[in-house]
């Protein structure tokens, strides 16, 4: 889901996501809206992590089924 944080959060909240792909950049850019709000844990399992020579890491997660 590109472009809408609130839609991505709702899809996660309702269990409608099968993969979460994030790019992690080195450095600090300030504050913004969090993808995962405090107090609402989203259990995720790391599927892959691919580092690039510029320090960026591509991360792929799958939601863990709630029991």
PDB file of N, CA and C in Angstrom:
ATOM      1  N   UNK A   1       0.857  -1.162   0.000  1.00  0.00           N
ATOM      2  CA  UNK A   1       0.000   0.000   0.000  1.00  0.00           C
ATOM      3  C   UNK A   1       0.901   1.221   0.000  1.00  0.00           C
ATOM      4  N   UNK A   2       0.982   1.900  -1.089  1.00  0.00           N
ATOM      5  CA  UNK A   2       1.790   3.115  -1.180  1.00  0.00           C
ATOM      6  C   UNK A   2       0.887   4.335  -1.043  1.00  0.00           C
ATOM      7  N   UNK A   3       1.308   5.288  -0.233  1.00  0.00           N
ATOM      8  CA  UNK A   3       0.660   6.577  -0.238  1.00  0.00           C
ATOM      9  C   UNK A   3      -0.380   6.866   0.823  1.00  0.00           C
ATOM     10  N   UNK A   4      -0.855   5.888   1.555  1.00  0.00           N
ATOM     11  CA  UNK A   4      -1.877   6.187   2.558  1.00  0.00           C
ATOM     12  C   UNK A   4      -1.583   5.421   3.845  1.00  0.00           C
ATOM     13  N   UNK A   5      -1.024   6.124   4.800  1.00  0.00           N
ATOM     14  CA  UNK A   5      -0.706   5.511   6.082  1.00  0.00           C
ATOM     15  C   UNK A   5      -1.952   5.012   6.785  1.00  0.00           C
ATOM     16  N   UNK A   6      -3.020   5.790   6.770  1.00  0.00           N
ATOM     17  CA  UNK A   6      -4.237   5.392   7.486  1.00  0.00           C
ATOM     18  C   UNK A   6      -4.867   4.143   6.872  1.00  0.00           C
ATOM     19  N   UNK A   7      -4.835   4.010   5.547  1.00  0.00           N
ATOM     20  CA  UNK A   7      -5.378   2.805   4.907  1.00  0.00           C
ATOM     21  C   UNK A   7      -4.507   1.599   5.260  1.00  0.00           C
ATOM     22  N   UNK A   8      -3.189   1.757   5.219  1.00  0.00           N
ATOM     23  CA  UNK A   8      -2.281   0.664   5.582  1.00  0.00           C
ATOM     24  C   UNK A   8      -2.528   0.221   7.026  1.00  0.00           C
ATOM     25  N   UNK A   9      -2.714   1.164   7.943  1.00  0.00           N
ATOM     26  CA  UNK A   9      -2.974   0.827   9.340  1.00  0.00           C
ATOM     27  C   UNK A   9      -4.280   0.056   9.487  1.00  0.00           C
ATOM     28  N   UNK A  10      -5.316   0.473   8.771  1.00  0.00           N
ATOM     29  CA  UNK A  10      -6.602  -0.222   8.856  1.00  0.00           C
ATOM     30  C   UNK A  10      -6.505  -1.635   8.281  1.00  0.00           C
ATOM     31  N   UNK A  11      -5.808  -1.798   7.177  1.00  0.00           N
ATOM     32  CA  UNK A  11      -5.634  -3.135   6.601  1.00  0.00           C
ATOM     33  C   UNK A  11      -4.892  -4.052   7.579  1.00  0.00           C
ATOM     34  N   UNK A  12      -3.851  -3.541   8.218  1.00  0.00           N
ATOM     35  CA  UNK A  12      -3.125  -4.320   9.235  1.00  0.00           C
ATOM     36  C   UNK A  12      -4.041  -4.662  10.409  1.00  0.00           C
ATOM     37  N   UNK A  13      -4.781  -3.689  10.877  1.00  0.00           N
ATOM     38  CA  UNK A  13      -5.656  -3.867  12.038  1.00  0.00           C
ATOM     39  C   UNK A  13      -6.704  -4.951  11.789  1.00  0.00           C
ATOM     40  N   UNK A  14      -7.169  -5.074  10.559  1.00  0.00           N
ATOM     41  CA  UNK A  14      -8.217  -6.039  10.234  1.00  0.00           C
ATOM     42  C   UNK A  14      -7.683  -7.353   9.656  1.00  0.00           C
ATOM     43  N   UNK A  15      -6.352  -7.539   9.712  1.00  0.00           N
ATOM     44  CA  UNK A  15      -5.766  -8.792   9.263  1.00  0.00           C
ATOM     45  C   UNK A  15      -5.842  -9.023   7.765  1.00  0.00           C
ATOM     46  N   UNK A  16      -5.816  -7.945   6.975  1.00  0.00           N
ATOM     47  CA  UNK A  16      -5.944  -8.053   5.524  1.00  0.00           C
ATOM     48  C   UNK A  16      -4.620  -7.877   4.788  1.00  0.00           C
ATOM     49  N   UNK A  17      -3.515  -8.064   5.506  1.00  0.00           N
ATOM     50  CA  UNK A  17      -2.181  -7.908   4.926  1.00  0.00           C
ATOM     51  C   UNK A  17      -1.467  -9.245   4.981  1.00  0.00           C
ATOM     52  N   UNK A  18      -0.860  -9.650   3.850  1.00  0.00           N
ATOM     53  CA  UNK A  18      -0.102 -10.904   3.872  1.00  0.00           C
ATOM     54  C   UNK A  18       1.408 -10.671   3.874  1.00  0.00           C
ATOM     55  N   UNK A  19       1.863  -9.474   3.504  1.00  0.00           N
ATOM     56  CA  UNK A  19       3.279  -9.133   3.558  1.00  0.00           C
ATOM     57  C   UNK A  19       3.435  -7.663   3.882  1.00  0.00           C
ATOM     58  N   UNK A  20       4.492  -7.343   4.622  1.00  0.00           N
ATOM     59  CA  UNK A  20       4.861  -5.957   4.899  1.00  0.00           C
ATOM     60  C   UNK A  20       6.297  -5.804   4.410  1.00  0.00           C
ATOM     61  N   UNK A  21       6.488  -4.898   3.465  1.00  0.00           N
ATOM     62  CA  UNK A  21       7.834  -4.642   2.933  1.00  0.00           C
ATOM     63  C   UNK A  21       8.230  -3.216   3.303  1.00  0.00           C
ATOM     64  N   UNK A  22       9.376  -3.099   3.959  1.00  0.00           N
ATOM     65  CA  UNK A  22       9.867  -1.805   4.421  1.00  0.00           C
ATOM     66  C   UNK A  22      11.286  -1.590   3.946  1.00  0.00           C
ATOM     67  N   UNK A  23      11.630  -0.348   3.690  1.00  0.00           N
ATOM     68  CA  UNK A  23      13.014   0.026   3.421  1.00  0.00           C
ATOM     69  C   UNK A  23      13.502   0.822   4.620  1.00  0.00           C
ATOM     70  N   UNK A  24      14.602   0.373   5.194  1.00  0.00           N
ATOM     71  CA  UNK A  24      15.174   1.037   6.361  1.00  0.00           C
ATOM     72  C   UNK A  24      16.421   1.799   5.917  1.00  0.00           C
ATOM     73  N   UNK A  25      16.391   3.128   6.107  1.00  0.00           N
ATOM     74  CA  UNK A  25      17.502   3.979   5.702  1.00  0.00           C
ATOM     75  C   UNK A  25      18.326   4.369   6.923  1.00  0.00           C
ATOM     76  N   UNK A  26      19.653   4.419   6.779  1.00  0.00           N
ATOM     77  CA  UNK A  26      20.487   4.844   7.908  1.00  0.00           C
ATOM     78  C   UNK A  26      20.301   6.345   8.155  1.00  0.00           C
ATOM     79  N   UNK A  27      20.374   6.723   9.398  1.00  0.00           N
ATOM     80  CA  UNK A  27      20.275   8.137   9.724  1.00  0.00           C
ATOM     81  C   UNK A  27      18.957   8.473  10.387  1.00  0.00           C
ATOM     82  N   UNK A  28      18.849   9.726  10.807  1.00  0.00           N
ATOM     83  CA  UNK A  28      17.657  10.199  11.488  1.00  0.00           C
ATOM     84  C   UNK A  28      17.036  11.313  10.660  1.00  0.00           C
ATOM     85  N   UNK A  29      15.728  11.215  10.443  1.00  0.00           N
ATOM     86  CA  UNK A  29      15.053  12.209   9.621  1.00  0.00           C
ATOM     87  C   UNK A  29      14.057  13.044  10.417  1.00  0.00           C
ATOM     88  N   UNK A  30      13.922  12.803  11.695  1.00  0.00           N
ATOM     89  CA  UNK A  30      12.971  13.565  12.494  1.00  0.00           C
ATOM     90  C   UNK A  30      11.785  12.711  12.887  1.00  0.00           C
ATOM     91  N   UNK A  31      10.686  13.360  13.228  1.00  0.00           N
ATOM     92  CA  UNK A  31       9.493  12.639  13.642  1.00  0.00           C
ATOM     93  C   UNK A  31       8.458  12.637  12.539  1.00  0.00           C
ATOM     94  N   UNK A  32       7.646  11.619  12.571  1.00  0.00           N
ATOM     95  CA  UNK A  32       6.541  11.507  11.632  1.00  0.00           C
ATOM     96  C   UNK A  32       5.488  10.617  12.258  1.00  0.00           C
ATOM     97  N   UNK A  33       4.499  10.262  11.483  1.00  0.00           N
ATOM     98  CA  UNK A  33       3.468   9.364  11.987  1.00  0.00           C
ATOM     99  C   UNK A  33       4.002   7.933  11.968  1.00  0.00           C
ATOM    100  N   UNK A  34       3.836   7.194  13.073  1.00  0.00           N
ATOM    101  CA  UNK A  34       4.317   5.815  13.112  1.00  0.00           C
ATOM    102  C   UNK A  34       3.387   4.895  12.325  1.00  0.00           C
ATOM    103  N   UNK A  35       3.964   3.896  11.660  1.00  0.00           N
ATOM    104  CA  UNK A  35       3.160   2.894  10.966  1.00  0.00           C
ATOM    105  C   UNK A  35       2.441   2.016  11.977  1.00  0.00           C
ATOM    106  N   UNK A  36       3.128   1.685  13.072  1.00  0.00           N
ATOM    107  CA  UNK A  36       2.580   0.805  14.102  1.00  0.00           C
ATOM    108  C   UNK A  36       2.328   1.642  15.362  1.00  0.00           C
ATOM    109  N   UNK A  37       1.088   2.065  15.589  1.00  0.00           N
ATOM    110  CA  UNK A  37       0.794   2.909  16.750  1.00  0.00           C
ATOM    111  C   UNK A  37       1.106   2.203  18.081  1.00  0.00           C
ATOM    112  N   UNK A  38       1.543   2.994  19.055  1.00  0.00           N
ATOM    113  CA  UNK A  38       1.833   2.460  20.390  1.00  0.00           C
ATOM    114  C   UNK A  38       0.575   1.842  20.975  1.00  0.00           C
ATOM    115  N   UNK A  39       0.743   0.725  21.661  1.00  0.00           N
ATOM    116  CA  UNK A  39      -0.384   0.076  22.323  1.00  0.00           C
ATOM    117  C   UNK A  39      -1.158  -0.879  21.435  1.00  0.00           C
ATOM    118  N   UNK A  40      -0.790  -0.967  20.167  1.00  0.00           N
ATOM    119  CA  UNK A  40      -1.453  -1.891  19.250  1.00  0.00           C
ATOM    120  C   UNK A  40      -0.400  -2.770  18.593  1.00  0.00           C
ATOM    121  N   UNK A  41       0.117  -3.762  19.309  1.00  0.00           N
ATOM    122  CA  UNK A  41       1.182  -4.590  18.741  1.00  0.00           C
ATOM    123  C   UNK A  41       0.709  -5.370  17.515  1.00  0.00           C
ATOM    124  N   UNK A  42       1.579  -5.451  16.523  1.00  0.00           N
ATOM    125  CA  UNK A  42       1.310  -6.220  15.308  1.00  0.00           C
ATOM    126  C   UNK A  42       2.383  -7.307  15.243  1.00  0.00           C
ATOM    127  N   UNK A  43       2.002  -8.567  15.544  1.00  0.00           N
ATOM    128  CA  UNK A  43       3.012  -9.627  15.522  1.00  0.00           C
ATOM    129  C   UNK A  43       3.437  -9.940  14.092  1.00  0.00           C
ATOM    130  N   UNK A  44       4.734  -9.747  13.804  1.00  0.00           N
ATOM    131  CA  UNK A  44       5.282  -9.979  12.480  1.00  0.00           C
ATOM    132  C   UNK A  44       6.472 -10.924  12.559  1.00  0.00           C
ATOM    133  N   UNK A  45       6.654 -11.710  11.511  1.00  0.00           N
ATOM    134  CA  UNK A  45       7.804 -12.612  11.399  1.00  0.00           C
ATOM    135  C   UNK A  45       8.665 -12.122  10.243  1.00  0.00           C
ATOM    136  N   UNK A  46       9.970 -11.969  10.492  1.00  0.00           N
ATOM    137  CA  UNK A  46      10.889 -11.535   9.452  1.00  0.00           C
ATOM    138  C   UNK A  46      11.058 -12.651   8.425  1.00  0.00           C
ATOM    139  N   UNK A  47      10.791 -12.352   7.159  1.00  0.00           N
ATOM    140  CA  UNK A  47      10.925 -13.314   6.069  1.00  0.00           C
ATOM    141  C   UNK A  47      12.278 -13.149   5.390  1.00  0.00           C
ATOM    142  N   UNK A  48      12.668 -11.891   5.138  1.00  0.00           N
ATOM    143  CA  UNK A  48      13.970 -11.650   4.506  1.00  0.00           C
ATOM    144  C   UNK A  48      14.471 -10.262   4.854  1.00  0.00           C
ATOM    145  N   UNK A  49      15.785 -10.129   4.790  1.00  0.00           N
ATOM    146  CA  UNK A  49      16.448  -8.845   4.998  1.00  0.00           C
ATOM    147  C   UNK A  49      17.584  -8.767   3.981  1.00  0.00           C
ATOM    148  N   UNK A  50      17.517  -7.757   3.107  1.00  0.00           N
ATOM    149  CA  UNK A  50      18.512  -7.607   2.049  1.00  0.00           C
ATOM    150  C   UNK A  50      19.223  -6.271   2.212  1.00  0.00           C
ATOM    151  N   UNK A  51      20.503  -6.311   2.625  1.00  0.00           N
ATOM    152  CA  UNK A  51      21.250  -5.060   2.766  1.00  0.00           C
ATOM    153  C   UNK A  51      21.811  -4.605   1.407  1.00  0.00           C
ATOM    154  N   UNK A  52      21.891  -3.289   1.219  1.00  0.00           N
ATOM    155  CA  UNK A  52      22.477  -2.709   0.020  1.00  0.00           C
ATOM    156  C   UNK A  52      23.744  -1.959   0.393  1.00  0.00           C
ATOM    157  N   UNK A  53      24.606  -1.714  -0.569  1.00  0.00           N
ATOM    158  CA  UNK A  53      25.908  -1.090  -0.302  1.00  0.00           C
ATOM    159  C   UNK A  53      25.785   0.332   0.256  1.00  0.00           C
ATOM    160  N   UNK A  54      24.652   1.002   0.035  1.00  0.00           N
ATOM    161  CA  UNK A  54      24.481   2.366   0.540  1.00  0.00           C
ATOM    162  C   UNK A  54      23.932   2.410   1.974  1.00  0.00           C
ATOM    163  N   UNK A  55      23.759   1.243   2.607  1.00  0.00           N
ATOM    164  CA  UNK A  55      23.285   1.183   3.988  1.00  0.00           C
ATOM    165  C   UNK A  55      21.797   0.925   4.127  1.00  0.00           C
ATOM    166  N   UNK A  56      21.066   1.006   3.038  1.00  0.00           N
ATOM    167  CA  UNK A  56      19.626   0.719   3.065  1.00  0.00           C
ATOM    168  C   UNK A  56      19.422  -0.781   3.224  1.00  0.00           C
ATOM    169  N   UNK A  57      18.407  -1.164   3.986  1.00  0.00           N
ATOM    170  CA  UNK A  57      18.061  -2.573   4.152  1.00  0.00           C
ATOM    171  C   UNK A  57      16.605  -2.759   3.764  1.00  0.00           C
ATOM    172  N   UNK A  58      16.356  -3.693   2.836  1.00  0.00           N
ATOM    173  CA  UNK A  58      14.992  -4.042   2.445  1.00  0.00           C
ATOM    174  C   UNK A  58      14.532  -5.184   3.357  1.00  0.00           C
ATOM    175  N   UNK A  59      13.430  -4.956   4.074  1.00  0.00           N
ATOM    176  CA  UNK A  59      12.917  -5.939   5.026  1.00  0.00           C
ATOM    177  C   UNK A  59      11.549  -6.421   4.569  1.00  0.00           C
ATOM    178  N   UNK A  60      11.320  -7.719   4.682  1.00  0.00           N
ATOM    179  CA  UNK A  60      10.007  -8.281   4.346  1.00  0.00           C
ATOM    180  C   UNK A  60       9.519  -9.093   5.543  1.00  0.00           C
ATOM    181  N   UNK A  61       8.288  -8.807   5.967  1.00  0.00           N
ATOM    182  CA  UNK A  61       7.683  -9.453   7.110  1.00  0.00           C
ATOM    183  C   UNK A  61       6.353 -10.093   6.700  1.00  0.00           C
ATOM    184  N   UNK A  62       5.962 -11.142   7.438  1.00  0.00           N
ATOM    185  CA  UNK A  62       4.647 -11.750   7.286  1.00  0.00           C
ATOM    186  C   UNK A  62       3.958 -11.680   8.646  1.00  0.00           C
ATOM    187  N   UNK A  63       2.686 -11.337   8.663  1.00  0.00           N
ATOM    188  CA  UNK A  63       1.958 -11.329   9.936  1.00  0.00           C
ATOM    189  C   UNK A  63       1.912 -12.734  10.543  1.00  0.00           C
ATOM    190  N   UNK A  64       2.013 -12.806  11.840  1.00  0.00           N
ATOM    191  CA  UNK A  64       1.915 -14.075  12.562  1.00  0.00           C
ATOM    192  C   UNK A  64       0.448 -14.287  12.918  1.00  0.00           C
ATOM    193  N   UNK A  65      -0.066 -15.459  12.618  1.00  0.00           N
ATOM    194  CA  UNK A  65      -1.478 -15.752  12.895  1.00  0.00           C
ATOM    195  C   UNK A  65      -1.749 -15.637  14.393  1.00  0.00           C
ATOM    196  N   UNK A  66      -2.850 -14.979  14.729  1.00  0.00           N
ATOM    197  CA  UNK A  66      -3.246 -14.858  16.139  1.00  0.00           C
ATOM    198  C   UNK A  66      -3.899 -16.156  16.561  1.00  0.00           C
ATOM    199  N   UNK A  67      -3.540 -16.627  17.770  1.00  0.00           N
ATOM    200  CA  UNK A  67      -4.126 -17.869  18.242  1.00  0.00           C
ATOM    201  C   UNK A  67      -5.269 -17.641  19.178  1.00  0.00           C
TER     202      UNK A  67
END
